[in-house]
Protein backbone atom coordinates (compact mmCIF):
# COMPACT_ATOMS: atom_id res chain seq x y z
CA MET A 1 -32.55 -21.94 42.51
CA GLU A 2 -30.67 -18.74 43.23
CA VAL A 3 -27.06 -17.52 43.21
CA SER A 4 -25.98 -14.23 44.72
CA GLU A 5 -24.20 -11.67 42.57
CA ASP A 6 -21.36 -11.72 45.10
CA VAL A 7 -20.74 -15.37 44.27
CA LEU A 8 -20.68 -14.63 40.53
CA LEU A 9 -18.24 -11.77 41.11
CA LYS A 10 -16.12 -14.06 43.28
CA ALA A 11 -15.97 -16.58 40.42
CA VAL A 12 -14.84 -13.87 37.99
CA ASP A 13 -12.11 -12.77 40.41
CA LEU A 14 -11.00 -16.38 40.86
CA ALA A 15 -10.68 -16.85 37.12
CA LEU A 16 -8.57 -13.69 36.81
CA GLY A 17 -6.40 -14.86 39.68
CA MET A 18 -5.81 -18.15 37.85
CA GLY A 19 -4.40 -16.35 34.82
CA SER A 20 -7.43 -15.44 32.73
CA SER A 21 -7.24 -12.20 30.77
CA TYR A 22 -11.05 -12.12 30.60
CA ALA A 23 -13.79 -13.93 32.46
CA GLU A 24 -17.57 -14.00 32.53
CA THR A 25 -20.13 -15.80 34.65
CA ARG A 26 -23.77 -16.31 33.69
CA PHE A 27 -26.51 -17.58 35.96
CA GLN A 28 -29.60 -18.69 34.04
CA VAL A 29 -32.82 -20.44 35.04
CA ASP A 30 -35.54 -21.45 32.58
CA SER A 31 -38.96 -22.23 34.05
CA VAL A 32 -41.17 -24.15 31.63
CA ARG A 33 -44.86 -25.00 31.55
CA PHE A 34 -46.29 -27.18 28.77
CA ILE A 35 -49.60 -28.66 27.60
CA HIS A 36 -50.32 -30.95 24.63
CA VAL A 37 -53.82 -31.63 23.34
CA ARG A 38 -54.42 -34.08 20.49
CA ASN A 39 -57.84 -34.28 18.83
CA GLY A 40 -59.42 -32.60 21.83
CA ALA A 41 -57.90 -34.96 24.42
CA LEU A 42 -55.18 -34.00 26.88
CA GLN A 43 -51.94 -35.86 26.13
CA SER A 44 -49.47 -34.28 28.52
CA ILE A 45 -49.22 -31.44 30.99
CA GLY A 46 -46.50 -30.37 33.37
CA ASN A 47 -43.85 -27.91 34.40
CA TYR A 48 -40.18 -28.00 35.26
CA SER A 49 -37.20 -25.73 35.63
CA TYR A 50 -33.53 -26.13 34.88
CA GLY A 51 -30.55 -23.88 35.22
CA GLY A 52 -27.15 -23.25 36.68
CA VAL A 53 -23.97 -21.25 36.26
CA SER A 54 -21.62 -21.12 33.29
CA VAL A 55 -18.07 -19.81 33.32
CA ARG A 56 -16.18 -18.68 30.23
CA VAL A 57 -12.57 -17.54 30.36
CA LEU A 58 -9.88 -16.35 27.98
CA VAL A 59 -6.46 -17.80 28.84
CA ASP A 60 -3.38 -17.51 26.60
CA GLY A 61 -5.64 -16.38 23.76
CA MET A 62 -8.06 -19.33 23.96
CA TRP A 63 -11.58 -19.86 25.29
CA GLY A 64 -12.40 -22.24 28.07
CA PHE A 65 -16.01 -22.97 28.99
CA ALA A 66 -17.57 -24.98 31.80
CA ALA A 67 -20.97 -25.10 33.50
CA THR A 68 -22.63 -26.61 36.54
CA SER A 69 -26.20 -27.07 37.68
CA ASP A 70 -24.95 -27.29 41.28
CA THR A 71 -24.91 -23.70 42.53
CA SER A 72 -22.79 -24.33 45.62
CA TRP A 73 -19.53 -22.41 45.77
CA ASP A 74 -17.45 -25.59 45.60
CA SER A 75 -19.11 -26.60 42.33
CA ILE A 76 -18.79 -23.12 40.80
CA LYS A 77 -15.15 -22.97 41.87
CA ASP A 78 -14.60 -26.33 40.15
CA ALA A 79 -16.23 -24.98 36.97
CA VAL A 80 -13.81 -22.04 36.99
CA SER A 81 -10.87 -24.41 37.36
CA ARG A 82 -12.11 -26.63 34.53
CA ALA A 83 -12.66 -23.67 32.19
CA VAL A 84 -9.10 -22.41 32.80
CA THR A 85 -7.67 -25.91 32.31
CA TYR A 86 -9.56 -26.38 29.03
CA ALA A 87 -8.37 -23.02 27.71
CA ARG A 88 -4.71 -23.75 28.49
CA ALA A 89 -4.93 -27.15 26.83
CA VAL A 90 -6.31 -25.70 23.60
CA ALA A 91 -3.88 -22.76 23.66
CA ARG A 92 -0.97 -25.17 23.28
CA ILE A 93 -2.20 -26.49 19.93
CA ARG A 94 -4.10 -23.63 18.26
CA ARG A 95 -2.15 -20.91 16.51
CA ARG A 96 -4.78 -18.22 15.90
CA LYS A 97 -5.33 -16.47 19.19
CA ILE A 98 -8.64 -14.95 20.25
CA ARG A 99 -8.89 -11.28 21.07
CA LEU A 100 -11.88 -9.19 22.03
CA GLY A 101 -12.84 -5.75 20.82
CA HIS A 102 -13.41 -2.86 23.19
CA GLU A 103 -17.19 -2.56 23.06
CA ARG A 104 -19.41 -0.34 25.12
CA LEU A 105 -20.88 -2.72 27.70
CA ALA A 106 -24.17 -2.52 29.54
CA ARG A 107 -25.00 -2.27 33.21
CA VAL A 108 -28.75 -2.71 33.32
CA SER A 109 -31.71 -4.65 34.68
CA TYR A 110 -34.80 -5.18 32.53
CA SER A 111 -37.88 -7.37 32.27
CA VAL A 112 -40.81 -7.89 29.90
CA ASN A 113 -44.22 -6.91 31.21
CA GLU A 114 -46.99 -9.50 31.27
CA GLY A 115 -50.53 -8.24 30.89
CA ILE A 116 -51.92 -11.63 31.90
CA LYS A 117 -49.40 -13.79 33.73
CA VAL A 118 -49.66 -17.38 32.61
CA GLU A 119 -48.63 -18.57 36.08
CA ASP A 120 -51.88 -17.02 37.34
CA LEU A 121 -53.94 -19.22 34.99
CA SER A 122 -54.95 -22.67 36.20
CA ASP A 123 -54.19 -25.88 34.35
CA ASP A 124 -57.93 -26.38 33.84
CA TYR A 125 -58.21 -22.96 32.18
CA LEU A 126 -55.36 -23.63 29.78
CA VAL A 127 -56.60 -27.11 28.88
CA LYS A 128 -60.06 -25.64 28.23
CA TYR A 129 -58.42 -22.97 26.06
CA LEU A 130 -56.67 -25.58 23.89
CA THR A 131 -59.72 -27.82 23.63
CA GLY A 132 -61.71 -24.76 22.61
CA LEU A 133 -59.23 -24.11 19.80
CA ASP A 134 -59.51 -27.76 18.81
CA SER A 135 -63.30 -27.35 18.54
CA ARG A 136 -62.82 -24.49 16.08
CA ILE A 137 -60.56 -26.66 13.93
CA LYS A 138 -62.76 -29.75 13.83
CA VAL A 139 -65.64 -27.84 12.23
CA GLU A 140 -63.84 -29.14 9.15
CA PRO A 141 -64.22 -32.90 9.83
CA ARG A 142 -61.57 -33.84 7.30
CA VAL A 143 -58.88 -32.41 9.61
CA ARG A 144 -58.32 -35.83 11.14
CA VAL A 145 -55.20 -35.05 13.19
CA ARG A 146 -55.12 -31.94 15.36
CA ASN A 147 -52.09 -31.47 17.60
CA LEU A 148 -51.86 -28.32 19.72
CA PHE A 149 -48.82 -27.62 21.89
CA LEU A 150 -48.63 -24.71 24.35
CA ASN A 151 -45.25 -23.86 25.83
CA VAL A 152 -44.46 -21.06 28.27
CA LYS A 153 -40.86 -20.34 29.26
CA ILE A 154 -39.66 -17.69 31.69
CA THR A 155 -35.92 -17.03 31.43
CA ASP A 156 -34.10 -15.31 34.30
CA LYS A 157 -30.44 -14.37 33.79
CA VAL A 158 -27.61 -12.58 35.50
CA LEU A 159 -24.43 -11.88 33.52
CA ILE A 160 -21.20 -10.44 34.97
CA THR A 161 -17.97 -9.92 33.01
CA SER A 162 -14.50 -8.96 34.14
CA ASP A 163 -14.51 -5.86 31.92
CA GLY A 164 -17.55 -4.30 33.50
CA ALA A 165 -20.79 -5.72 32.11
CA TYR A 166 -23.66 -6.39 34.48
CA VAL A 167 -27.03 -7.54 33.14
CA ARG A 168 -30.05 -8.91 34.96
CA SER A 169 -33.04 -9.85 32.82
CA ARG A 170 -36.38 -11.64 32.97
CA VAL A 171 -38.12 -12.57 29.70
CA PRO A 172 -41.33 -14.63 29.62
CA ARG A 173 -42.13 -16.22 26.26
CA ILE A 174 -45.28 -17.97 25.12
CA TYR A 175 -45.48 -20.27 22.09
CA LEU A 176 -48.39 -22.13 20.51
CA PHE A 177 -47.73 -24.71 17.80
CA GLY A 178 -50.38 -26.52 15.82
CA SER A 179 -49.97 -29.45 13.45
CA LEU A 180 -53.08 -30.04 11.34
CA ILE A 181 -53.46 -32.98 8.95
CA ALA A 182 -56.53 -33.29 6.72
CA TYR A 183 -57.54 -36.20 4.53
CA ASP A 184 -60.23 -36.70 1.92
CA PRO A 185 -60.55 -40.10 0.16
CA GLN A 186 -61.15 -38.37 -3.19
CA LYS A 187 -59.05 -35.21 -2.77
CA GLY A 188 -56.00 -36.56 -0.94
CA SER A 189 -54.29 -35.03 2.07
CA ALA A 190 -53.20 -31.57 3.22
CA GLN A 191 -50.92 -30.73 6.10
CA ARG A 192 -50.32 -27.35 7.69
CA ASN A 193 -48.19 -26.27 10.66
CA VAL A 194 -49.05 -22.99 12.40
CA GLU A 195 -47.14 -21.05 15.04
CA PHE A 196 -48.09 -18.17 17.32
CA GLY A 197 -46.18 -16.47 20.11
CA GLY A 198 -43.97 -13.75 21.46
CA SER A 199 -42.58 -12.35 24.70
CA GLY A 200 -45.07 -11.18 27.32
CA GLY A 201 -48.18 -12.64 28.89
CA PHE A 202 -51.15 -14.66 27.69
CA GLU A 203 -52.42 -11.62 25.80
CA ILE A 204 -49.83 -12.42 23.12
CA LEU A 205 -52.24 -15.10 21.84
CA GLY A 206 -55.12 -12.64 21.48
CA ASN A 207 -55.82 -13.23 17.76
CA VAL A 208 -55.22 -16.98 17.59
CA GLU A 209 -58.90 -17.92 17.17
CA GLN A 210 -59.31 -15.77 14.07
CA GLU A 211 -56.03 -17.00 12.58
CA LEU A 212 -57.00 -20.64 13.13
CA ASP A 213 -60.39 -20.05 11.50
CA ARG A 214 -58.59 -18.71 8.46
CA GLU A 215 -56.20 -21.67 8.38
CA VAL A 216 -59.11 -24.15 8.52
CA SER A 217 -60.81 -22.31 5.66
CA ALA A 218 -57.59 -22.49 3.63
CA ILE A 219 -57.27 -26.23 4.27
CA ARG A 220 -60.86 -26.72 3.08
CA ASP A 221 -60.21 -24.72 -0.09
CA VAL A 222 -56.96 -26.58 -0.81
CA LEU A 223 -58.86 -29.88 -0.69
CA ASP A 224 -61.93 -28.70 -2.60
CA LYS A 225 -60.78 -26.02 -5.03
CA ALA A 226 -57.06 -26.25 -5.70
CA LYS A 227 -55.80 -27.73 -8.95
CA PRO A 228 -52.26 -28.28 -10.14
CA LEU A 229 -50.57 -26.06 -12.65
CA PRO A 230 -50.71 -27.59 -16.14
CA HIS A 231 -46.90 -27.51 -16.50
CA ASP A 232 -43.71 -26.10 -15.06
CA ASP A 233 -43.19 -22.46 -15.91
CA VAL A 234 -41.12 -19.33 -15.28
CA MET A 235 -43.26 -16.47 -14.00
CA ASP A 236 -43.57 -13.60 -11.57
CA VAL A 237 -44.34 -14.75 -8.04
CA VAL A 238 -45.89 -12.67 -5.27
CA PHE A 239 -44.89 -13.90 -1.82
CA SER A 240 -46.68 -13.23 1.46
CA PRO A 241 -45.03 -12.04 4.71
CA GLU A 242 -44.88 -15.69 5.83
CA LEU A 243 -42.78 -16.61 2.81
CA ALA A 244 -40.66 -13.49 3.28
CA GLY A 245 -39.93 -14.70 6.82
CA ILE A 246 -38.59 -18.11 5.86
CA PHE A 247 -36.61 -16.60 2.95
CA VAL A 248 -34.83 -13.97 5.04
CA HIS A 249 -34.08 -16.43 7.83
CA GLU A 250 -32.62 -19.18 5.67
CA SER A 251 -31.07 -17.31 2.73
CA VAL A 252 -29.77 -14.17 4.48
CA GLY A 253 -29.83 -14.59 8.26
CA HIS A 254 -27.85 -17.82 8.57
CA PRO A 255 -25.34 -16.90 5.83
CA SER A 256 -24.69 -13.58 7.63
CA GLU A 257 -23.44 -15.25 10.82
CA LEU A 258 -19.76 -14.34 10.82
CA ASP A 259 -18.61 -17.53 12.54
CA ARG A 260 -20.29 -19.49 9.72
CA ILE A 261 -18.67 -17.23 7.11
CA MET A 262 -15.26 -17.87 8.66
CA GLY A 263 -15.74 -21.65 8.75
CA ARG A 264 -16.67 -22.48 12.34
CA GLU A 265 -19.99 -24.09 11.36
CA GLY A 266 -18.67 -25.97 8.32
CA ALA A 267 -18.75 -29.45 9.84
CA GLU A 268 -21.85 -28.81 11.96
CA ALA A 269 -24.59 -26.67 10.42
CA GLY A 270 -23.17 -25.76 7.02
CA GLU A 271 -21.23 -23.02 5.29
CA SER A 272 -22.09 -19.66 3.74
CA TYR A 273 -21.99 -18.10 0.30
CA MET A 274 -21.02 -14.83 2.04
CA ARG A 275 -17.40 -13.69 2.20
CA VAL A 276 -15.81 -11.16 4.50
CA ASP A 277 -14.93 -8.94 1.53
CA TYR A 278 -18.61 -8.75 0.54
CA LEU A 279 -19.17 -6.27 3.37
CA GLY A 280 -20.32 -2.98 1.87
CA SER A 281 -19.52 -3.97 -1.71
CA TYR A 282 -21.52 -7.03 -2.81
CA LYS A 283 -24.97 -6.39 -4.25
CA LEU A 284 -27.16 -9.35 -3.37
CA GLY A 285 -30.58 -7.82 -4.03
CA SER A 286 -32.38 -5.06 -5.85
CA ASP A 287 -32.50 -1.51 -4.48
CA LEU A 288 -35.86 -2.37 -2.86
CA VAL A 289 -34.38 -5.04 -0.58
CA THR A 290 -33.46 -4.13 2.99
CA ILE A 291 -33.26 -6.97 5.51
CA ILE A 292 -32.99 -6.22 9.21
CA ASP A 293 -32.36 -8.31 12.31
CA ASP A 294 -33.59 -6.49 15.41
CA PRO A 295 -33.60 -8.05 18.92
CA THR A 296 -35.22 -4.96 20.46
CA ILE A 297 -38.71 -5.26 18.88
CA PRO A 298 -41.15 -5.13 21.83
CA ASN A 299 -42.96 -8.40 22.61
CA SER A 300 -41.04 -10.23 19.89
CA TYR A 301 -40.22 -13.91 20.34
CA GLY A 302 -36.49 -13.23 19.89
CA TYR A 303 -36.48 -10.20 22.20
CA TYR A 304 -33.47 -9.10 24.24
CA LEU A 305 -31.89 -5.75 25.09
CA VAL A 306 -28.37 -6.99 25.87
CA ASP A 307 -26.63 -10.05 24.49
CA GLU A 308 -24.80 -12.81 26.40
CA GLU A 309 -21.52 -10.86 26.28
CA GLY A 310 -22.97 -7.66 27.76
CA VAL A 311 -23.23 -5.70 24.49
CA PRO A 312 -26.36 -3.52 24.09
CA ALA A 313 -28.61 -4.74 21.28
CA ARG A 314 -29.70 -2.69 18.27
CA PRO A 315 -31.17 -3.26 14.80
CA ARG A 316 -28.65 -4.90 12.45
CA TYR A 317 -29.08 -3.96 8.76
CA LEU A 318 -27.83 -7.14 7.11
CA ILE A 319 -28.83 -5.99 3.63
CA ARG A 320 -29.37 -2.29 2.91
CA ASN A 321 -30.85 -1.32 -0.47
CA GLY A 322 -29.56 -4.58 -1.92
CA TYR A 323 -25.98 -4.39 -0.59
CA VAL A 324 -24.42 -6.63 2.07
CA ASN A 325 -24.17 -4.15 4.90
CA GLU A 326 -23.56 -5.99 8.18
CA PHE A 327 -22.82 -9.45 9.55
CA LEU A 328 -24.12 -11.02 12.76
CA MET A 329 -21.13 -10.81 15.09
CA ASN A 330 -20.05 -11.50 18.65
CA ARG A 331 -17.02 -9.90 20.26
CA GLU A 332 -14.57 -12.55 19.09
CA TYR A 333 -15.48 -12.70 15.42
CA ALA A 334 -15.98 -8.95 15.07
CA SER A 335 -12.41 -8.43 16.26
CA TYR A 336 -11.05 -10.68 13.48
CA ILE A 337 -12.26 -8.20 10.86
CA GLY A 338 -11.49 -5.03 12.82
CA LEU A 339 -15.05 -4.27 13.92
CA THR A 340 -16.99 -4.33 17.16
CA SER A 341 -19.79 -6.68 18.17
CA ASN A 342 -23.37 -5.88 17.18
CA ALA A 343 -24.75 -7.92 20.09
CA ALA A 344 -25.44 -11.18 18.25
CA ALA A 345 -24.00 -13.47 20.97
CA ARG A 346 -26.77 -15.76 22.25
CA ALA A 347 -26.90 -18.96 24.28
CA SER A 348 -30.02 -21.10 24.59
CA GLU A 349 -29.40 -22.53 28.08
CA PHE A 350 -27.05 -22.00 30.99
CA ASP A 351 -24.69 -24.76 29.83
CA LYS A 352 -24.29 -23.52 26.24
CA GLU A 353 -21.67 -21.08 25.02
CA PRO A 354 -22.78 -17.80 23.39
CA ILE A 355 -22.35 -17.81 19.60
CA PRO A 356 -23.52 -15.47 16.78
CA ARG A 357 -27.28 -15.88 16.25
CA MET A 358 -30.29 -14.22 14.71
CA ALA A 359 -33.09 -12.66 16.78
CA ASN A 360 -35.94 -11.12 14.74
CA THR A 361 -35.12 -11.10 11.02
CA TYR A 362 -37.39 -9.45 8.46
CA LEU A 363 -37.74 -7.91 5.02
CA ALA A 364 -38.29 -4.19 5.60
CA PRO A 365 -41.52 -2.59 4.32
CA GLY A 366 -41.76 -0.71 1.05
CA ASP A 367 -44.33 1.66 -0.47
CA TRP A 368 -46.75 -0.73 -2.16
CA LYS A 369 -50.03 -2.09 -0.85
CA PRO A 370 -50.32 -5.90 -1.14
CA GLU A 371 -53.40 -5.70 -3.36
CA GLU A 372 -51.60 -3.26 -5.67
CA ILE A 373 -48.81 -5.78 -6.26
CA VAL A 374 -51.31 -8.46 -7.26
CA ARG A 375 -53.28 -6.02 -9.42
CA GLU A 376 -50.11 -5.00 -11.26
CA THR A 377 -49.08 -8.61 -12.01
CA ARG A 378 -50.07 -9.75 -15.51
CA LYS A 379 -49.26 -13.45 -15.15
CA GLY A 380 -47.93 -15.16 -12.09
CA LEU A 381 -48.51 -16.84 -8.79
CA PHE A 382 -49.40 -15.60 -5.31
CA ILE A 383 -48.16 -17.87 -2.50
CA ALA A 384 -49.78 -17.06 0.84
CA SER A 385 -48.30 -19.89 2.95
CA TYR A 386 -45.87 -22.78 2.66
CA THR A 387 -45.58 -26.41 3.70
CA GLU A 388 -41.87 -27.16 3.44
CA TRP A 389 -38.51 -25.72 2.52
CA ASN A 390 -35.07 -27.03 1.58
CA ILE A 391 -31.82 -25.15 1.11
CA ASP A 392 -28.26 -26.30 0.49
CA ASP A 393 -25.38 -26.07 2.98
CA ARG A 394 -24.12 -22.76 1.58
CA ARG A 395 -27.65 -21.29 1.59
CA TRP A 396 -27.55 -20.59 -2.13
CA PHE A 397 -30.05 -22.95 -3.81
CA GLY A 398 -33.53 -23.24 -2.31
CA ARG A 399 -36.72 -25.20 -2.96
CA TYR A 400 -39.97 -24.18 -1.29
CA GLY A 401 -43.40 -25.81 -1.36
CA GLY A 402 -46.50 -23.64 -1.37
CA PHE A 403 -49.69 -24.46 0.54
CA GLU A 404 -52.25 -21.74 -0.06
CA ALA A 405 -51.48 -20.39 -3.53
CA TYR A 406 -53.34 -18.70 -6.39
CA TYR A 407 -52.77 -18.25 -10.10
CA ILE A 408 -52.72 -14.58 -11.15
CA GLU A 409 -53.95 -13.48 -14.56
CA ASN A 410 -54.22 -9.81 -15.52
CA GLY A 411 -54.21 -8.74 -11.88
CA ASP A 412 -56.89 -11.16 -10.68
CA LEU A 413 -56.62 -14.29 -8.52
CA LYS A 414 -58.09 -16.76 -11.01
CA TYR A 415 -57.94 -20.10 -9.20
CA MET A 416 -56.25 -21.89 -6.32
CA VAL A 417 -53.11 -23.85 -7.17
CA ARG A 418 -52.35 -27.23 -5.59
CA ASP A 419 -48.87 -27.84 -4.18
CA PRO A 420 -46.72 -25.54 -6.32
CA PHE A 421 -42.97 -25.62 -5.77
CA ILE A 422 -40.46 -22.94 -6.55
CA GLU A 423 -36.76 -23.43 -7.16
CA VAL A 424 -34.59 -20.35 -6.92
CA ASP A 425 -31.06 -19.36 -5.99
CA THR A 426 -30.52 -16.65 -3.41
CA LYS A 427 -29.08 -14.13 -5.88
CA THR A 428 -32.04 -14.45 -8.25
CA LEU A 429 -34.54 -14.34 -5.40
CA TRP A 430 -33.38 -10.99 -4.06
CA SER A 431 -32.04 -9.37 -7.26
CA ASN A 432 -35.38 -9.82 -9.05
CA VAL A 433 -37.50 -8.15 -6.37
CA ASP A 434 -39.46 -5.39 -8.13
CA ALA A 435 -42.22 -4.55 -5.63
CA VAL A 436 -42.29 -4.48 -1.83
CA ALA A 437 -45.45 -3.85 0.23
CA ASN A 438 -46.05 -2.28 3.64
CA ASP A 439 -47.89 -5.11 5.47
CA LEU A 440 -45.22 -6.14 7.99
CA ARG A 441 -45.97 -9.33 9.96
CA PHE A 442 -43.94 -11.65 12.17
CA PHE A 443 -44.04 -15.38 12.89
CA PRO A 444 -42.33 -17.14 15.82
CA GLY A 445 -39.87 -19.96 15.33
CA THR A 446 -36.96 -21.82 16.88
CA CYS A 447 -33.59 -21.44 15.18
CA GLY A 448 -31.14 -24.33 15.44
CA LYS A 449 -27.36 -24.04 15.34
CA GLY A 450 -24.19 -25.15 17.10
CA ASN A 451 -22.64 -28.29 18.54
CA PRO A 452 -24.16 -29.23 20.91
CA GLU A 453 -27.19 -27.84 19.11
CA GLN A 454 -28.86 -24.75 20.51
CA GLY A 455 -32.44 -23.78 19.69
CA VAL A 456 -33.15 -20.09 20.30
CA PRO A 457 -36.46 -18.23 19.92
CA VAL A 458 -36.71 -15.94 16.89
CA PHE A 459 -39.19 -14.02 14.79
CA LEU A 460 -39.26 -14.58 11.02
CA GLY A 461 -41.06 -11.85 9.17
CA GLY A 462 -41.51 -9.42 6.36
CA VAL A 463 -43.99 -8.08 3.89
CA THR A 464 -45.68 -9.07 0.65
CA PHE A 465 -43.23 -8.75 -2.24
CA ARG A 466 -42.88 -9.75 -5.88
CA VAL A 467 -40.03 -11.53 -7.65
CA SER A 468 -39.82 -11.72 -11.43
CA GLY A 469 -38.64 -14.73 -13.40
CA VAL A 470 -39.03 -17.51 -10.81
CA ARG A 471 -39.05 -21.18 -11.81
CA VAL A 472 -42.34 -22.67 -10.66
CA LEU A 473 -42.90 -26.43 -10.67
CA LYS A 474 -46.31 -28.07 -10.86
CA SER A 475 -47.48 -30.41 -8.12
CA PRO A 476 -45.25 -33.50 -7.95
CA THR A 477 -48.32 -35.74 -7.32
């Protein structure tokens, strides 16, 4: 599937001729290859591609959006007409008109290098790779269910806007997901999901074997050594980079999306505790807390250099030294508060509109070493990994279940704790941070949002850090 840039420019000109004050066309093709192995046996394997052209226009202060998978000129011309018609229809009934800021727009072509191109690897090789990973897992025979999913997606895009943006990009992403379920008749069950990936070639998965070996060891220890806390308690808790990742994503990243703050997501994906007037003045965390969302991290799963509106990407400091510093904004929502976009407009597929999204969100490193934080903790808990999380619609109250966890006494890891849960509100979580380490790590994930829902690739990450005065609940079973 291919569309010439001349055709995309022609569509933009057509939209302007039909009365649009702004128009953009985006051609996107996603080429996917997938393999699923369950308990060492191949379950599914295949490849497919999908794509097309989307048209978004601004007419009488309203958006109109249409897309087509038919890349003939007649179909694209029809999409332009539909987008203009939709915008005019909405403009008659909506009072608040949309305006766009005057951002610096990009004219660039870029691609992510692949050390080992997955398309050069045979199906047999990749199946053998997954079955080899399965063999490493089943050395612990109590891991009864072993699901491994490998997904490779290459995304090719061309974006042209009426105010001068031109972006051509090619980003290959590789993602490996494992679902491991162990069962012991005397010890019960343990379940762990693991994720690996990034943008680039097959070399992205270079350390998977060692990580899986560690996960299998942790599952074994959870079954054999872990014991529940004697009672609920309030204590200091040391969280690993994996926990930092889920915390920043759910309790800071989503609430910082400006369209959510201003109500657009209220009936779809929830609301936000953030308010527009928090910007620069509300202290959410301690001085040690800086949380960044950065699309430009090389080989990251959420990597991009220019967003879907043509705005060059950069690191976004959502929280700086505890203060709300920046929201995730596209051109529309930034203009409502007198700012310019910080390149947060993303769309998952060709037929989805760009909306404010995260990319790679993380807790910034501090000066401590992880072992120093544990050594300086008199009584508490160290949670190395988690099994589940829950958070309310406004992203204020959270409940998180630990998987690999240890009781700390006088700076030593005394014993493994079975299924601890923490309950904490977002303000307490970040205000009570009193130590932040320097061991930055990232974990891939898929972030859901929008209607129709869009799942975009992201990194969740951070460092080991300690929070004082956390409510810890003993195992519910």
